[in-house]
């Protein structure tokens, strides 16, 4: 291996480590009717991996003192719209989600401090009737 190739490999490894250290990755598993919660730093950009167990309508809510935006990333559709505003307004998503994995990106103000609470609630029909005989 030439000296030039070694330098290129070293630089790419350092860049990969630097970029991955900027993001915080957590796993949030939503199943059943109980709300699921997680915390991320309220500043900068962070991600949470979400695993949805069954198809349904879900509310994903951010709560922080400074305001955190939420963006859902679907493997098929790609990144969605950002709801909420960094440093101004907390985000809320109401989405129909298939079972599978999703990435949730939080967008916080760079000077924000503390934690942002992320909750996932599954919508349930309160007055469901069985129409089958």
Protein backbone atom coordinates (compact mmCIF):
# COMPACT_ATOMS: atom_id res chain seq x y z
CA UNK A 1 0.00 0.00 0.00
CA UNK A 2 1.43 3.36 -1.00
CA UNK A 3 1.88 6.23 1.38
CA UNK A 4 -0.81 8.23 -0.45
CA UNK A 5 -3.41 5.44 -0.03
CA UNK A 6 -2.58 5.20 3.70
CA UNK A 7 -3.13 8.95 4.11
CA UNK A 8 -6.46 8.82 2.25
CA UNK A 9 -7.65 5.87 4.39
CA UNK A 10 -6.59 7.65 7.58
CA UNK A 11 -8.41 10.87 6.62
CA UNK A 12 -11.60 9.00 5.66
CA UNK A 13 -11.54 7.09 8.96
CA UNK A 14 -11.10 10.31 10.97
CA UNK A 15 -13.95 12.00 9.06
CA UNK A 16 -16.25 9.01 9.63
CA UNK A 17 -15.53 8.98 13.37
CA UNK A 18 -15.98 12.77 13.60
CA UNK A 19 -19.33 12.74 11.78
CA UNK A 20 -20.71 9.79 13.75
CA UNK A 21 -19.79 11.44 17.05
CA UNK A 22 -21.96 14.47 16.18
CA UNK A 23 -25.17 12.43 16.30
CA UNK A 24 -26.78 10.63 19.20
CA UNK A 25 -28.46 7.34 18.25
CA UNK A 26 -31.10 5.67 20.41
CA UNK A 27 -33.72 3.00 19.81
CA UNK A 28 -37.38 3.57 20.64
CA UNK A 29 -39.73 0.60 20.32
CA UNK A 30 -43.45 1.38 19.98
CA UNK A 31 -45.81 -1.51 20.60
CA UNK A 32 -49.11 -1.82 22.42
CA UNK A 33 -51.24 1.04 23.63
CA UNK A 34 -48.93 2.36 26.36
CA UNK A 35 -46.99 5.53 25.44
CA UNK A 36 -43.32 5.00 24.67
CA UNK A 37 -40.82 7.67 25.74
CA UNK A 38 -37.17 8.56 25.23
CA UNK A 39 -34.87 11.52 25.87
CA UNK A 40 -32.35 13.21 23.59
CA UNK A 41 -30.22 16.32 24.08
CA UNK A 42 -32.25 19.45 23.27
CA UNK A 43 -29.40 21.04 21.29
CA UNK A 44 -28.27 20.45 17.70
CA UNK A 45 -29.39 17.48 15.59
CA UNK A 46 -29.98 14.06 17.14
CA UNK A 47 -31.60 10.86 15.90
CA UNK A 48 -33.71 8.13 17.37
CA UNK A 49 -34.41 4.85 15.61
CA UNK A 50 -38.06 3.88 16.02
CA UNK A 51 -39.41 0.35 15.63
CA UNK A 52 -43.16 0.16 15.01
CA UNK A 53 -44.68 -3.23 15.82
CA UNK A 54 -47.99 -2.89 13.97
CA UNK A 55 -49.75 -0.67 11.47
CA UNK A 56 -51.67 2.22 12.99
CA UNK A 57 -51.94 5.92 13.58
CA UNK A 58 -49.31 7.33 15.92
CA UNK A 59 -48.63 10.69 17.55
CA UNK A 60 -44.94 11.51 18.02
CA UNK A 61 -44.50 14.46 20.38
CA UNK A 62 -41.40 16.45 21.39
CA UNK A 63 -41.34 18.36 24.66
CA UNK A 64 -38.49 20.66 25.70
CA UNK A 65 -38.12 24.07 27.32
CA UNK A 66 -36.54 25.67 24.24
CA UNK A 67 -38.45 23.99 21.40
CA UNK A 68 -37.35 21.05 19.25
CA UNK A 69 -38.37 20.28 15.67
CA UNK A 70 -39.21 16.72 14.58
CA UNK A 71 -38.57 15.08 11.22
CA UNK A 72 -39.54 11.51 10.34
CA UNK A 73 -37.38 9.59 7.88
CA UNK A 74 -39.00 6.67 6.08
CA UNK A 75 -36.85 4.14 4.19
CA UNK A 76 -39.11 4.33 1.15
CA UNK A 77 -40.25 7.98 1.14
CA UNK A 78 -37.09 9.52 2.58
CA UNK A 79 -37.02 12.53 4.95
CA UNK A 80 -40.31 14.26 5.64
CA UNK A 81 -41.22 17.80 6.61
CA UNK A 82 -39.84 19.30 9.85
CA UNK A 83 -42.63 20.02 12.36
CA UNK A 84 -41.83 22.53 15.08
CA UNK A 85 -38.93 24.95 15.10
CA UNK A 86 -35.52 24.77 16.76
CA UNK A 87 -35.49 27.09 19.75
CA UNK A 88 -39.10 28.23 19.21
CA UNK A 89 -41.76 25.51 19.05
CA UNK A 90 -41.94 21.81 19.94
CA UNK A 91 -42.87 19.47 17.12
CA UNK A 92 -45.72 16.96 16.85
CA UNK A 93 -46.29 14.37 14.14
CA UNK A 94 -49.59 12.54 13.55
CA UNK A 95 -48.83 9.77 11.08
CA UNK A 96 -50.11 6.44 9.82
CA UNK A 97 -47.11 4.12 10.13
CA UNK A 98 -46.57 0.60 8.83
CA UNK A 99 -44.73 -1.91 10.97
CA UNK A 100 -40.99 -1.50 10.52
CA UNK A 101 -38.10 0.81 11.29
CA UNK A 102 -38.09 4.59 11.05
CA UNK A 103 -35.60 7.29 11.95
CA UNK A 104 -36.73 10.34 13.90
CA UNK A 105 -34.45 13.38 13.67
CA UNK A 106 -34.73 16.10 16.31
CA UNK A 107 -33.66 19.63 15.39
CA UNK A 108 -32.70 21.79 18.39
CA UNK A 109 -31.12 25.21 18.70
CA UNK A 110 -27.30 25.00 18.99
CA UNK A 111 -27.34 26.96 22.26
CA UNK A 112 -30.20 24.99 23.83
CA UNK A 113 -29.56 23.05 27.02
CA UNK A 114 -31.25 20.20 28.84
CA UNK A 115 -33.14 17.27 27.39
CA UNK A 116 -36.01 16.89 24.95
CA UNK A 117 -38.59 14.24 25.82
CA UNK A 118 -39.91 12.29 22.85
CA UNK A 119 -43.16 10.34 23.31
CA UNK A 120 -45.00 8.03 20.93
CA UNK A 121 -48.71 7.41 21.46
CA UNK A 122 -50.70 4.90 19.45
CA UNK A 123 -54.22 6.09 18.61
CA UNK A 124 -56.98 3.73 19.80
CA UNK A 125 -60.65 3.75 18.85
CA UNK A 126 -62.54 4.32 22.11
CA UNK A 127 -65.98 3.36 20.85
CA UNK A 128 -65.15 0.54 18.48
CA UNK A 129 -68.00 -1.82 17.70
CA UNK A 130 -67.63 -5.28 16.32
CA UNK A 131 -69.88 -5.32 13.23
CA UNK A 132 -69.35 -9.01 12.59
CA UNK A 133 -72.08 -11.42 13.58
